[in-house]
């Protein structure tokens, strides 16, 4: 990642830590999710992913894809889960089977629109947690779940 990208990520983390230190949930749940997605975007860029899509909803009834990114030759459909407390467990545990199915459907819609024959893909999760002592913690979980119910992932 470029020096500029690292600087943007570092400044974004600093800004979010300050906002989180002032109030536990700045702006409500929706804004917390948006902040988590912004952090995850720069976190993935820093990890070498090439992000090609954000907040994609390809058709009514299919789920939303938070982030779509290339991790080398593999296309990753990335779900971002953000929590501001630890009462309910880690953020990644909030992804249930029904939401996974919606993400898989949306991913298959995305894959059918690609002009490539064969694409290796997987489903990742970026877990974004806020802890007042530590600030934001981001964790990347590669191949977090399978796309098997409606097709399968490579």
N, C-alpha and C. Protein backbone atom coordinates (compact mmCIF):
# COMPACT_ATOMS: atom_id res chain seq x y z
N UNK A 1 0.84 -1.18 0.00
CA UNK A 1 0.00 0.00 0.00
C UNK A 1 0.89 1.23 0.00
N UNK A 2 0.42 2.26 -0.63
CA UNK A 2 1.19 3.48 -0.75
C UNK A 2 1.30 4.19 0.59
N UNK A 3 2.24 5.09 0.66
CA UNK A 3 2.44 5.90 1.86
C UNK A 3 1.19 6.72 2.15
N UNK A 4 0.55 7.23 1.09
CA UNK A 4 -0.68 8.01 1.26
C UNK A 4 -1.79 7.14 1.86
N UNK A 5 -1.93 5.93 1.35
CA UNK A 5 -2.96 5.02 1.88
C UNK A 5 -2.73 4.70 3.35
N UNK A 6 -1.49 4.48 3.73
CA UNK A 6 -1.17 4.20 5.14
C UNK A 6 -1.48 5.41 6.01
N UNK A 7 -1.17 6.59 5.50
CA UNK A 7 -1.44 7.81 6.26
C UNK A 7 -2.95 8.01 6.44
N UNK A 8 -3.73 7.75 5.39
CA UNK A 8 -5.19 7.88 5.49
C UNK A 8 -5.73 6.91 6.52
N UNK A 9 -5.26 5.65 6.48
CA UNK A 9 -5.73 4.64 7.43
C UNK A 9 -5.36 5.05 8.86
N UNK A 10 -4.14 5.50 9.08
CA UNK A 10 -3.70 5.90 10.42
C UNK A 10 -4.51 7.09 10.92
N UNK A 11 -4.77 8.08 10.07
CA UNK A 11 -5.55 9.23 10.50
C UNK A 11 -7.01 8.86 10.76
N UNK A 12 -7.55 7.95 9.97
CA UNK A 12 -8.92 7.50 10.19
C UNK A 12 -9.03 6.76 11.52
N UNK A 13 -8.07 5.89 11.82
CA UNK A 13 -8.06 5.20 13.11
C UNK A 13 -7.99 6.20 14.26
N UNK A 14 -7.12 7.19 14.14
CA UNK A 14 -6.98 8.21 15.18
C UNK A 14 -8.30 8.94 15.40
N UNK A 15 -8.93 9.35 14.29
CA UNK A 15 -10.21 10.08 14.38
C UNK A 15 -11.29 9.22 15.04
N UNK A 16 -11.37 7.96 14.64
CA UNK A 16 -12.40 7.07 15.19
C UNK A 16 -12.14 6.76 16.67
N UNK A 17 -10.89 6.62 17.05
CA UNK A 17 -10.56 6.39 18.47
C UNK A 17 -11.00 7.59 19.32
N UNK A 18 -10.75 8.78 18.81
CA UNK A 18 -11.16 9.98 19.55
C UNK A 18 -12.68 10.06 19.67
N UNK A 19 -13.38 9.77 18.58
CA UNK A 19 -14.85 9.81 18.60
C UNK A 19 -15.39 8.73 19.53
N UNK A 20 -14.81 7.56 19.49
CA UNK A 20 -15.24 6.47 20.36
C UNK A 20 -14.96 6.74 21.82
N UNK A 21 -13.88 7.44 22.11
CA UNK A 21 -13.55 7.76 23.49
C UNK A 21 -14.53 8.77 24.07
N UNK A 22 -15.05 9.66 23.22
CA UNK A 22 -16.01 10.66 23.69
C UNK A 22 -17.37 10.04 24.01
N UNK A 23 -17.84 9.21 23.10
CA UNK A 23 -19.15 8.57 23.27
C UNK A 23 -19.06 7.14 22.81
N UNK A 24 -19.83 6.29 23.44
CA UNK A 24 -19.77 4.87 23.11
C UNK A 24 -20.28 4.58 21.72
N UNK A 25 -21.39 5.16 21.32
CA UNK A 25 -21.96 4.89 20.01
C UNK A 25 -22.29 6.22 19.33
N UNK A 26 -21.33 6.78 18.66
CA UNK A 26 -21.50 8.07 18.01
C UNK A 26 -22.39 7.89 16.79
N UNK A 27 -23.58 8.50 16.81
CA UNK A 27 -24.43 8.50 15.64
C UNK A 27 -25.38 7.32 15.50
N UNK A 28 -25.43 6.41 16.43
CA UNK A 28 -26.34 5.29 16.34
C UNK A 28 -25.75 4.09 15.61
N UNK A 29 -26.55 3.02 15.52
CA UNK A 29 -26.08 1.76 14.95
C UNK A 29 -25.70 1.88 13.48
N UNK A 30 -26.51 2.58 12.72
CA UNK A 30 -26.22 2.70 11.29
C UNK A 30 -24.89 3.43 11.06
N UNK A 31 -24.68 4.51 11.79
CA UNK A 31 -23.43 5.25 11.66
C UNK A 31 -22.25 4.41 12.16
N UNK A 32 -22.46 3.63 13.20
CA UNK A 32 -21.40 2.75 13.69
C UNK A 32 -21.01 1.75 12.61
N UNK A 33 -21.99 1.21 11.90
CA UNK A 33 -21.72 0.29 10.80
C UNK A 33 -20.96 0.96 9.67
N UNK A 34 -21.34 2.19 9.35
CA UNK A 34 -20.63 2.94 8.29
C UNK A 34 -19.18 3.20 8.69
N UNK A 35 -18.98 3.58 9.94
CA UNK A 35 -17.62 3.82 10.42
C UNK A 35 -16.81 2.53 10.34
N UNK A 36 -17.41 1.42 10.73
CA UNK A 36 -16.72 0.14 10.66
C UNK A 36 -16.35 -0.23 9.23
N UNK A 37 -17.25 0.04 8.30
CA UNK A 37 -16.97 -0.26 6.89
C UNK A 37 -15.85 0.62 6.34
N UNK A 38 -15.81 1.88 6.75
CA UNK A 38 -14.71 2.75 6.32
C UNK A 38 -13.37 2.22 6.85
N UNK A 39 -13.35 1.85 8.12
CA UNK A 39 -12.12 1.30 8.70
C UNK A 39 -11.72 0.01 7.99
N UNK A 40 -12.70 -0.86 7.73
CA UNK A 40 -12.42 -2.15 7.08
C UNK A 40 -11.88 -1.93 5.68
N UNK A 41 -12.42 -0.96 4.96
CA UNK A 41 -11.95 -0.66 3.61
C UNK A 41 -10.45 -0.35 3.63
N UNK A 42 -10.05 0.57 4.49
CA UNK A 42 -8.63 0.95 4.55
C UNK A 42 -7.78 -0.16 5.14
N UNK A 43 -8.33 -0.92 6.06
CA UNK A 43 -7.63 -2.07 6.64
C UNK A 43 -7.30 -3.09 5.54
N UNK A 44 -8.28 -3.38 4.69
CA UNK A 44 -8.06 -4.33 3.59
C UNK A 44 -7.06 -3.78 2.57
N UNK A 45 -7.17 -2.51 2.26
CA UNK A 45 -6.20 -1.91 1.33
C UNK A 45 -4.80 -2.04 1.89
N UNK A 46 -4.67 -1.79 3.18
CA UNK A 46 -3.36 -1.91 3.82
C UNK A 46 -2.84 -3.34 3.77
N UNK A 47 -3.76 -4.31 3.79
CA UNK A 47 -3.40 -5.73 3.73
C UNK A 47 -3.13 -6.20 2.31
N UNK A 48 -3.26 -5.31 1.32
CA UNK A 48 -2.94 -5.66 -0.05
C UNK A 48 -4.13 -6.01 -0.92
N UNK A 49 -5.34 -5.94 -0.40
CA UNK A 49 -6.54 -6.20 -1.20
C UNK A 49 -6.75 -5.05 -2.18
N UNK A 50 -7.34 -5.35 -3.32
CA UNK A 50 -7.74 -4.33 -4.29
C UNK A 50 -9.27 -4.31 -4.26
N UNK A 51 -9.82 -3.29 -3.65
CA UNK A 51 -11.27 -3.19 -3.47
C UNK A 51 -11.91 -2.72 -4.78
N UNK A 52 -12.90 -3.49 -5.26
CA UNK A 52 -13.56 -3.16 -6.52
C UNK A 52 -15.04 -2.82 -6.34
N UNK A 53 -15.55 -2.98 -5.14
CA UNK A 53 -16.95 -2.65 -4.90
C UNK A 53 -17.23 -2.43 -3.43
N UNK A 54 -18.14 -1.48 -3.16
CA UNK A 54 -18.56 -1.19 -1.79
C UNK A 54 -20.07 -1.06 -1.75
N UNK A 55 -20.69 -1.68 -0.74
CA UNK A 55 -22.13 -1.57 -0.51
C UNK A 55 -22.94 -1.86 -1.77
N UNK A 56 -22.71 -3.01 -2.36
CA UNK A 56 -23.38 -3.38 -3.61
C UNK A 56 -24.66 -4.17 -3.33
N UNK A 57 -25.75 -3.74 -3.94
CA UNK A 57 -27.01 -4.47 -3.92
C UNK A 57 -27.41 -4.61 -5.38
N UNK A 58 -27.27 -5.83 -5.92
CA UNK A 58 -27.42 -6.02 -7.36
C UNK A 58 -28.86 -6.17 -7.82
N UNK A 59 -29.71 -6.69 -6.96
CA UNK A 59 -31.12 -6.81 -7.32
C UNK A 59 -31.95 -6.90 -6.06
N UNK A 60 -33.22 -6.54 -6.13
CA UNK A 60 -34.08 -6.64 -4.95
C UNK A 60 -34.18 -8.09 -4.48
N UNK A 61 -34.15 -8.26 -3.18
CA UNK A 61 -34.28 -9.61 -2.62
C UNK A 61 -32.95 -10.30 -2.38
N UNK A 62 -31.91 -9.81 -3.03
CA UNK A 62 -30.60 -10.40 -2.74
C UNK A 62 -29.94 -9.53 -1.68
N UNK A 63 -28.97 -10.08 -1.01
CA UNK A 63 -28.31 -9.34 0.05
C UNK A 63 -27.40 -8.27 -0.46
N UNK A 64 -26.84 -7.53 0.47
CA UNK A 64 -25.88 -6.48 0.13
C UNK A 64 -24.47 -7.02 0.35
N UNK A 65 -23.58 -6.65 -0.53
CA UNK A 65 -22.17 -7.00 -0.38
C UNK A 65 -21.46 -5.77 0.17
N UNK A 66 -20.94 -5.88 1.39
CA UNK A 66 -20.27 -4.73 2.01
C UNK A 66 -19.06 -4.32 1.19
N UNK A 67 -18.16 -5.28 0.94
CA UNK A 67 -16.96 -5.01 0.16
C UNK A 67 -16.68 -6.18 -0.76
N UNK A 68 -16.26 -5.89 -1.97
CA UNK A 68 -15.80 -6.91 -2.91
C UNK A 68 -14.38 -6.52 -3.27
N UNK A 69 -13.45 -7.47 -3.11
CA UNK A 69 -12.04 -7.12 -3.31
C UNK A 69 -11.25 -8.32 -3.81
N UNK A 70 -10.22 -8.03 -4.58
CA UNK A 70 -9.30 -9.06 -5.03
C UNK A 70 -8.18 -9.19 -4.01
N UNK A 71 -7.95 -10.41 -3.56
CA UNK A 71 -6.81 -10.74 -2.72
C UNK A 71 -5.91 -11.61 -3.57
N UNK A 72 -5.07 -10.96 -4.36
CA UNK A 72 -4.29 -11.69 -5.36
C UNK A 72 -5.24 -12.21 -6.42
N UNK A 73 -5.19 -13.53 -6.72
CA UNK A 73 -6.06 -14.09 -7.76
C UNK A 73 -7.45 -14.48 -7.26
N UNK A 74 -7.72 -14.26 -5.98
CA UNK A 74 -8.99 -14.69 -5.37
C UNK A 74 -9.89 -13.49 -5.13
N UNK A 75 -11.14 -13.61 -5.56
CA UNK A 75 -12.13 -12.57 -5.32
C UNK A 75 -12.76 -12.82 -3.95
N UNK A 76 -12.67 -11.83 -3.07
CA UNK A 76 -13.21 -11.96 -1.72
C UNK A 76 -14.46 -11.11 -1.57
N UNK A 77 -15.52 -11.75 -1.10
CA UNK A 77 -16.75 -11.05 -0.74
C UNK A 77 -16.65 -10.86 0.77
N UNK A 78 -16.51 -9.60 1.19
CA UNK A 78 -16.17 -9.31 2.58
C UNK A 78 -17.37 -8.70 3.30
N UNK A 79 -17.78 -9.36 4.37
CA UNK A 79 -18.82 -8.85 5.25
C UNK A 79 -18.13 -8.15 6.41
N UNK A 80 -18.60 -6.96 6.74
CA UNK A 80 -18.01 -6.20 7.84
C UNK A 80 -19.00 -6.22 9.00
N UNK A 81 -18.52 -6.65 10.16
CA UNK A 81 -19.34 -6.67 11.37
C UNK A 81 -18.69 -5.78 12.40
N UNK A 82 -19.46 -4.82 12.92
CA UNK A 82 -18.93 -3.84 13.87
C UNK A 82 -19.74 -3.87 15.16
N UNK A 83 -19.03 -3.85 16.27
CA UNK A 83 -19.69 -3.76 17.58
C UNK A 83 -18.93 -2.77 18.44
N UNK A 84 -19.68 -2.06 19.28
CA UNK A 84 -19.05 -1.08 20.16
C UNK A 84 -18.93 -1.60 21.59
N UNK A 85 -19.37 -2.79 21.85
CA UNK A 85 -19.26 -3.37 23.18
C UNK A 85 -18.99 -4.86 23.07
N UNK A 86 -18.65 -5.46 24.19
CA UNK A 86 -18.33 -6.88 24.18
C UNK A 86 -19.40 -7.72 24.87
N UNK A 87 -20.53 -7.10 25.21
CA UNK A 87 -21.59 -7.81 25.92
C UNK A 87 -22.13 -8.98 25.10
N UNK A 88 -22.21 -8.82 23.80
CA UNK A 88 -22.80 -9.83 22.93
C UNK A 88 -21.77 -10.73 22.26
N UNK A 89 -20.54 -10.61 22.65
CA UNK A 89 -19.50 -11.43 22.04
C UNK A 89 -18.81 -10.70 20.91
N UNK A 90 -17.89 -11.39 20.24
CA UNK A 90 -17.16 -10.75 19.15
C UNK A 90 -18.07 -10.42 17.97
N UNK A 91 -17.74 -9.38 17.21
CA UNK A 91 -18.61 -8.94 16.11
C UNK A 91 -18.92 -10.04 15.09
N UNK A 92 -17.95 -10.89 14.78
CA UNK A 92 -18.16 -11.90 13.74
C UNK A 92 -19.25 -12.91 14.10
N UNK A 93 -19.59 -13.03 15.38
CA UNK A 93 -20.64 -13.98 15.78
C UNK A 93 -22.04 -13.48 15.41
N UNK A 94 -22.15 -12.23 14.98
CA UNK A 94 -23.44 -11.66 14.60
C UNK A 94 -23.89 -12.08 13.21
N UNK A 95 -23.08 -12.83 12.49
CA UNK A 95 -23.42 -13.25 11.13
C UNK A 95 -24.09 -14.62 11.19
N UNK A 96 -25.41 -14.62 11.07
CA UNK A 96 -26.16 -15.86 11.15
C UNK A 96 -26.33 -16.53 9.80
N UNK A 97 -26.88 -17.75 9.80
CA UNK A 97 -27.06 -18.51 8.55
C UNK A 97 -27.93 -17.80 7.51
N UNK A 98 -28.99 -17.14 7.92
CA UNK A 98 -29.86 -16.46 6.96
C UNK A 98 -29.12 -15.30 6.27
N UNK A 99 -28.33 -14.56 7.05
CA UNK A 99 -27.57 -13.47 6.44
C UNK A 99 -26.49 -14.03 5.52
N UNK A 100 -25.88 -15.13 5.91
CA UNK A 100 -24.89 -15.77 5.04
C UNK A 100 -25.52 -16.16 3.71
N UNK A 101 -26.72 -16.72 3.75
CA UNK A 101 -27.41 -17.10 2.51
C UNK A 101 -27.67 -15.89 1.62
N UNK A 102 -28.08 -14.76 2.22
CA UNK A 102 -28.31 -13.54 1.42
C UNK A 102 -27.01 -13.06 0.78
N UNK A 103 -25.92 -13.13 1.53
CA UNK A 103 -24.62 -12.71 0.98
C UNK A 103 -24.21 -13.64 -0.15
N UNK A 104 -24.41 -14.94 0.03
CA UNK A 104 -24.06 -15.91 -1.01
C UNK A 104 -24.88 -15.64 -2.28
N UNK A 105 -26.18 -15.37 -2.14
CA UNK A 105 -27.02 -15.05 -3.30
C UNK A 105 -26.50 -13.80 -4.02
N UNK A 106 -26.18 -12.78 -3.24
CA UNK A 106 -25.67 -11.55 -3.84
C UNK A 106 -24.32 -11.80 -4.53
N UNK A 107 -23.48 -12.63 -3.93
CA UNK A 107 -22.18 -12.95 -4.53
C UNK A 107 -22.37 -13.68 -5.86
N UNK A 108 -23.33 -14.61 -5.89
CA UNK A 108 -23.59 -15.33 -7.14
C UNK A 108 -24.14 -14.40 -8.21
N UNK A 109 -24.96 -13.43 -7.80
CA UNK A 109 -25.43 -12.41 -8.75
C UNK A 109 -24.24 -11.64 -9.31
N UNK A 110 -23.32 -11.26 -8.43
CA UNK A 110 -22.14 -10.52 -8.86
C UNK A 110 -21.30 -11.35 -9.83
N UNK A 111 -21.11 -12.62 -9.50
CA UNK A 111 -20.29 -13.49 -10.34
C UNK A 111 -20.90 -13.70 -11.72
N UNK A 112 -22.23 -13.76 -11.81
CA UNK A 112 -22.86 -13.94 -13.12
C UNK A 112 -22.68 -12.70 -14.00
N UNK A 113 -22.49 -11.53 -13.39
CA UNK A 113 -22.29 -10.30 -14.16
C UNK A 113 -20.84 -10.11 -14.60
N UNK A 114 -19.92 -10.85 -13.99
CA UNK A 114 -18.52 -10.74 -14.41
C UNK A 114 -18.35 -11.34 -15.80
N UNK A 115 -17.44 -10.82 -16.54
CA UNK A 115 -17.19 -11.30 -17.89
C UNK A 115 -16.08 -12.35 -17.92
N UNK A 116 -15.84 -13.01 -16.79
CA UNK A 116 -14.80 -14.04 -16.72
C UNK A 116 -15.46 -15.40 -16.61
N UNK A 117 -14.79 -16.41 -17.12
CA UNK A 117 -15.36 -17.75 -17.06
C UNK A 117 -15.24 -18.35 -15.67
N UNK A 118 -14.03 -18.49 -15.16
CA UNK A 118 -13.83 -19.13 -13.86
C UNK A 118 -13.16 -18.14 -12.92
N UNK A 119 -13.72 -18.01 -11.74
CA UNK A 119 -13.18 -17.11 -10.73
C UNK A 119 -13.10 -17.86 -9.41
N UNK A 120 -11.92 -17.86 -8.82
CA UNK A 120 -11.81 -18.40 -7.46
C UNK A 120 -12.29 -17.31 -6.51
N UNK A 121 -13.16 -17.70 -5.58
CA UNK A 121 -13.70 -16.71 -4.65
C UNK A 121 -13.88 -17.33 -3.28
N UNK A 122 -14.07 -16.45 -2.31
CA UNK A 122 -14.31 -16.90 -0.94
C UNK A 122 -15.07 -15.79 -0.20
N UNK A 123 -15.50 -16.13 0.99
CA UNK A 123 -16.25 -15.20 1.83
C UNK A 123 -15.42 -14.90 3.08
N UNK A 124 -15.07 -13.63 3.24
CA UNK A 124 -14.27 -13.19 4.39
C UNK A 124 -15.14 -12.32 5.29
N UNK A 125 -14.67 -12.15 6.51
CA UNK A 125 -15.30 -11.24 7.47
C UNK A 125 -14.21 -10.33 8.01
N UNK A 126 -14.52 -9.04 8.10
CA UNK A 126 -13.68 -8.13 8.87
C UNK A 126 -14.48 -7.80 10.13
N UNK A 127 -13.92 -8.17 11.25
CA UNK A 127 -14.53 -7.94 12.55
C UNK A 127 -13.95 -6.65 13.12
N UNK A 128 -14.83 -5.69 13.41
CA UNK A 128 -14.41 -4.40 13.94
C UNK A 128 -15.01 -4.25 15.32
N UNK A 129 -14.16 -4.19 16.33
CA UNK A 129 -14.64 -4.04 17.70
C UNK A 129 -14.05 -2.81 18.35
N UNK A 130 -14.84 -2.20 19.21
CA UNK A 130 -14.38 -1.02 19.96
C UNK A 130 -14.28 -1.39 21.42
N UNK A 131 -13.13 -1.12 21.99
CA UNK A 131 -12.88 -1.33 23.40
C UNK A 131 -12.28 -0.02 23.92
N UNK A 132 -12.87 0.59 24.97
CA UNK A 132 -12.36 1.89 25.44
C UNK A 132 -10.86 1.87 25.81
N UNK A 133 -10.38 0.73 26.32
CA UNK A 133 -8.96 0.66 26.69
C UNK A 133 -8.06 0.50 25.47
N UNK A 134 -8.49 -0.28 24.49
CA UNK A 134 -7.64 -0.60 23.34
C UNK A 134 -7.98 0.22 22.10
N UNK A 135 -9.14 0.81 22.05
CA UNK A 135 -9.59 1.50 20.84
C UNK A 135 -10.20 0.48 19.88
N UNK A 136 -10.05 0.72 18.59
CA UNK A 136 -10.60 -0.19 17.59
C UNK A 136 -9.68 -1.37 17.38
N UNK A 137 -10.29 -2.54 17.26
CA UNK A 137 -9.55 -3.76 16.92
C UNK A 137 -10.18 -4.30 15.64
N UNK A 138 -9.37 -4.52 14.64
CA UNK A 138 -9.85 -5.09 13.39
C UNK A 138 -9.20 -6.45 13.20
N UNK A 139 -10.03 -7.40 12.79
CA UNK A 139 -9.54 -8.76 12.57
C UNK A 139 -10.11 -9.25 11.25
N UNK A 140 -9.24 -9.79 10.41
CA UNK A 140 -9.66 -10.35 9.13
C UNK A 140 -9.77 -11.86 9.28
N UNK A 141 -10.93 -12.39 8.94
CA UNK A 141 -11.16 -13.83 8.97
C UNK A 141 -11.38 -14.27 7.52
N UNK A 142 -10.36 -14.90 6.96
CA UNK A 142 -10.46 -15.36 5.58
C UNK A 142 -11.23 -16.67 5.52
N UNK A 143 -11.99 -16.83 4.44
CA UNK A 143 -12.78 -18.05 4.22
C UNK A 143 -13.65 -18.35 5.44
N UNK A 144 -14.36 -17.32 5.91
CA UNK A 144 -15.14 -17.38 7.14
C UNK A 144 -16.34 -18.32 7.06
N UNK A 145 -16.93 -18.42 5.88
CA UNK A 145 -18.06 -19.34 5.70
C UNK A 145 -18.09 -19.80 4.27
N UNK A 146 -18.88 -20.83 4.03
CA UNK A 146 -18.93 -21.45 2.71
C UNK A 146 -20.11 -20.92 1.92
N UNK A 147 -19.97 -20.92 0.62
CA UNK A 147 -21.06 -20.55 -0.26
C UNK A 147 -21.80 -21.78 -0.76
N UNK A 148 -21.65 -22.90 -0.06
CA UNK A 148 -22.18 -24.18 -0.50
C UNK A 148 -23.70 -24.25 -0.72
N UNK A 149 -24.55 -23.59 0.09
CA UNK A 149 -25.98 -23.76 -0.09
C UNK A 149 -26.49 -23.48 -1.49
N UNK A 150 -25.87 -22.51 -2.19
CA UNK A 150 -26.37 -22.19 -3.54
C UNK A 150 -25.29 -22.32 -4.60
N UNK A 151 -24.27 -23.06 -4.35
CA UNK A 151 -23.25 -23.17 -5.40
C UNK A 151 -21.92 -23.67 -4.89
N UNK A 152 -21.27 -22.89 -4.07
CA UNK A 152 -19.98 -23.30 -3.54
C UNK A 152 -18.92 -22.30 -3.87
N UNK A 153 -17.92 -22.26 -3.02
CA UNK A 153 -16.80 -21.36 -3.26
C UNK A 153 -15.55 -22.17 -3.46
N UNK A 154 -14.62 -21.55 -4.10
CA UNK A 154 -13.35 -22.21 -4.36
C UNK A 154 -12.33 -21.77 -3.35
